[in-house]
Amino acid sequence: MAFRMGAYCNDYYSYNFTTCRSFSFNLTWFAILVAVNLQTAWLSPPVALSAYFLKGVVPEWDLKDIYMGMMQFMVLQVIGLILIIVFPQIALWLPTLLYGQ
């Protein structure tokens, strides 16, 4: 099972890598965009693994209350994701400073 999942992920990322190359996207920007998007997925239902972790730590809290508390952070994540898409210089500032063009 784990081998199949690894092969799936390898095919998925190699396909995206080829697509990014064909559209001339900056690969560093795309990797940062994927990382922020995955971080957002940890907060958003139905995946929201962080909500289930918190529910396991504090079982007396209702899952609905946990989701409501996470929504403000979800809004910040989506705003950050939009900013990175619209202004890629935000995500590329530090890598450019460290490694140059």
C-alpha atoms as a PDB file:
ATOM      1  CA  MET A   1       0.000   0.000   0.000  1.00  0.00           C
ATOM      2  CA  ALA A   2       2.737   2.478   0.941  1.00  0.00           C
ATOM      3  CA  PHE A   3       4.646   1.624  -2.230  1.00  0.00           C
ATOM      4  CA  ARG A   4       1.590   2.378  -4.381  1.00  0.00           C
ATOM      5  CA  MET A   5       1.056   5.682  -2.607  1.00  0.00           C
ATOM      6  CA  GLY A   6       4.703   6.602  -3.133  1.00  0.00           C
ATOM      7  CA  ALA A   7       4.426   5.776  -6.835  1.00  0.00           C
ATOM      8  CA  TYR A   8       1.249   7.863  -7.076  1.00  0.00           C
ATOM      9  CA  CYS A   9       2.928  10.852  -5.405  1.00  0.00           C
ATOM     10  CA  ASN A  10       5.957  10.480  -7.658  1.00  0.00           C
ATOM     11  CA  ASP A  11       3.750  10.487 -10.783  1.00  0.00           C
ATOM     12  CA  TYR A  12       1.724  13.425  -9.462  1.00  0.00           C
ATOM     13  CA  TYR A  13       4.739  15.615  -8.731  1.00  0.00           C
ATOM     14  CA  SER A  14       6.565  14.703 -11.938  1.00  0.00           C
ATOM     15  CA  TYR A  15       3.418  15.654 -13.910  1.00  0.00           C
ATOM     16  CA  ASN A  16       3.197  18.991 -12.069  1.00  0.00           C
ATOM     17  CA  PHE A  17       6.915  19.597 -12.577  1.00  0.00           C
ATOM     18  CA  THR A  18       6.496  19.088 -16.338  1.00  0.00           C
ATOM     19  CA  THR A  19       3.442  21.348 -16.394  1.00  0.00           C
ATOM     20  CA  CYS A  20       5.274  24.099 -14.500  1.00  0.00           C
ATOM     21  CA  ARG A  21       8.196  23.876 -16.882  1.00  0.00           C
ATOM     22  CA  SER A  22       5.891  24.166 -19.911  1.00  0.00           C
ATOM     23  CA  PHE A  23       4.181  27.269 -18.479  1.00  0.00           C
ATOM     24  CA  SER A  24       7.538  28.786 -17.417  1.00  0.00           C
ATOM     25  CA  PHE A  25       6.567  29.037 -13.756  1.00  0.00           C
ATOM     26  CA  ASN A  26       9.321  29.601 -11.241  1.00  0.00           C
ATOM     27  CA  LEU A  27       9.749  26.199  -9.592  1.00  0.00           C
ATOM     28  CA  THR A  28      10.671  27.710  -6.226  1.00  0.00           C
ATOM     29  CA  TRP A  29       7.481  29.762  -6.274  1.00  0.00           C
ATOM     30  CA  PHE A  30       5.447  26.696  -7.223  1.00  0.00           C
ATOM     31  CA  ALA A  31       6.980  24.636  -4.406  1.00  0.00           C
ATOM     32  CA  ILE A  32       6.167  27.383  -1.887  1.00  0.00           C
ATOM     33  CA  LEU A  33       2.636  27.609  -3.295  1.00  0.00           C
ATOM     34  CA  VAL A  34       2.158  23.842  -2.873  1.00  0.00           C
ATOM     35  CA  ALA A  35       3.531  23.990   0.690  1.00  0.00           C
ATOM     36  CA  VAL A  36       1.170  26.809   1.708  1.00  0.00           C
ATOM     37  CA  ASN A  37      -1.726  25.013   0.049  1.00  0.00           C
ATOM     38  CA  LEU A  38      -0.931  21.796   1.957  1.00  0.00           C
ATOM     39  CA  GLN A  39      -0.718  23.780   5.179  1.00  0.00           C
ATOM     40  CA  THR A  40      -4.154  25.207   4.420  1.00  0.00           C
ATOM     41  CA  ALA A  41      -5.501  21.688   3.881  1.00  0.00           C
ATOM     42  CA  TRP A  42      -4.521  20.781   7.449  1.00  0.00           C
ATOM     43  CA  LEU A  43      -6.973  23.416   8.676  1.00  0.00           C
ATOM     44  CA  SER A  44      -9.880  22.982   6.289  1.00  0.00           C
ATOM     45  CA  PRO A  45     -12.690  20.456   6.596  1.00  0.00           C
ATOM     46  CA  PRO A  46     -13.143  17.606   5.754  1.00  0.00           C
ATOM     47  CA  VAL A  47      -9.434  16.757   6.111  1.00  0.00           C
ATOM     48  CA  ALA A  48      -8.535  19.090   9.014  1.00  0.00           C
ATOM     49  CA  LEU A  49      -6.163  16.667  10.684  1.00  0.00           C
ATOM     50  CA  SER A  50      -5.126  19.328  13.182  1.00  0.00           C
ATOM     51  CA  ALA A  51      -8.756  19.549  14.364  1.00  0.00           C
ATOM     52  CA  TYR A  52      -8.866  15.803  14.977  1.00  0.00           C
ATOM     53  CA  PHE A  53      -5.540  15.946  16.809  1.00  0.00           C
ATOM     54  CA  LEU A  54      -6.922  18.680  19.067  1.00  0.00           C
ATOM     55  CA  LYS A  55     -10.136  16.698  19.601  1.00  0.00           C
ATOM     56  CA  GLY A  56      -7.999  13.734  20.700  1.00  0.00           C
ATOM     57  CA  VAL A  57      -6.116  15.900  23.209  1.00  0.00           C
ATOM     58  CA  VAL A  58      -9.237  17.603  24.597  1.00  0.00           C
ATOM     59  CA  PRO A  59     -12.139  15.161  24.052  1.00  0.00           C
ATOM     60  CA  GLU A  60     -14.688  17.268  25.923  1.00  0.00           C
ATOM     61  CA  TRP A  61     -14.519  20.013  23.263  1.00  0.00           C
ATOM     62  CA  ASP A  62     -17.061  19.784  20.468  1.00  0.00           C
ATOM     63  CA  LEU A  63     -15.633  19.419  16.954  1.00  0.00           C
ATOM     64  CA  LYS A  64     -17.877  22.258  15.763  1.00  0.00           C
ATOM     65  CA  ASP A  65     -16.274  24.627  18.290  1.00  0.00           C
ATOM     66  CA  ILE A  66     -12.811  23.567  17.164  1.00  0.00           C
ATOM     67  CA  TYR A  67     -13.723  24.292  13.533  1.00  0.00           C
ATOM     68  CA  MET A  68     -15.154  27.692  14.470  1.00  0.00           C
ATOM     69  CA  GLY A  69     -11.939  28.539  16.307  1.00  0.00           C
ATOM     70  CA  MET A  70      -9.856  27.496  13.307  1.00  0.00           C
ATOM     71  CA  MET A  71     -11.805  29.593  10.798  1.00  0.00           C
ATOM     72  CA  GLN A  72      -9.950  32.819  11.583  1.00  0.00           C
ATOM     73  CA  PHE A  73      -6.652  31.075  10.820  1.00  0.00           C
ATOM     74  CA  MET A  74      -8.192  29.560   7.696  1.00  0.00           C
ATOM     75  CA  VAL A  75      -9.094  33.037   6.441  1.00  0.00           C
ATOM     76  CA  LEU A  76      -5.508  34.197   7.063  1.00  0.00           C
ATOM     77  CA  GLN A  77      -4.153  31.178   5.175  1.00  0.00           C
ATOM     78  CA  VAL A  78      -6.401  31.855   2.170  1.00  0.00           C
ATOM     79  CA  ILE A  79      -5.411  35.540   2.154  1.00  0.00           C
ATOM     80  CA  GLY A  80      -1.747  34.506   2.269  1.00  0.00           C
ATOM     81  CA  LEU A  81      -2.277  32.021  -0.552  1.00  0.00           C
ATOM     82  CA  ILE A  82      -3.955  34.674  -2.708  1.00  0.00           C
ATOM     83  CA  LEU A  83      -1.138  37.124  -1.985  1.00  0.00           C
ATOM     84  CA  ILE A  84       1.473  34.555  -3.019  1.00  0.00           C
ATOM     85  CA  ILE A  85      -0.405  33.882  -6.258  1.00  0.00           C
ATOM     86  CA  VAL A  86      -0.927  37.559  -7.125  1.00  0.00           C
ATOM     87  CA  PHE A  87       2.473  38.798  -5.900  1.00  0.00           C
ATOM     88  CA  PRO A  88       5.028  35.975  -6.325  1.00  0.00           C
ATOM     89  CA  GLN A  89       7.792  38.346  -5.209  1.00  0.00           C
ATOM     90  CA  ILE A  90       6.580  37.871  -1.632  1.00  0.00           C
ATOM     91  CA  ALA A  91       7.505  34.187  -1.718  1.00  0.00           C
ATOM     92  CA  LEU A  92      10.628  34.665  -3.820  1.00  0.00           C
ATOM     93  CA  TRP A  93      12.223  37.509  -1.875  1.00  0.00           C
ATOM     94  CA  LEU A  94      14.245  35.396   0.564  1.00  0.00           C
ATOM     95  CA  PRO A  95      15.362  32.689  -1.911  1.00  0.00           C
ATOM     96  CA  THR A  96      16.464  35.436  -4.308  1.00  0.00           C
ATOM     97  CA  LEU A  97      18.350  37.184  -1.509  1.00  0.00           C
ATOM     98  CA  LEU A  98      20.101  33.961  -0.461  1.00  0.00           C
ATOM     99  CA  TYR A  99      20.790  32.351  -3.839  1.00  0.00           C
ATOM    100  CA  GLY A 100      20.465  35.142  -6.402  1.00  0.00           C
ATOM    101  CA  GLN A 101      18.632  34.792  -9.681  1.00  0.00           C
END
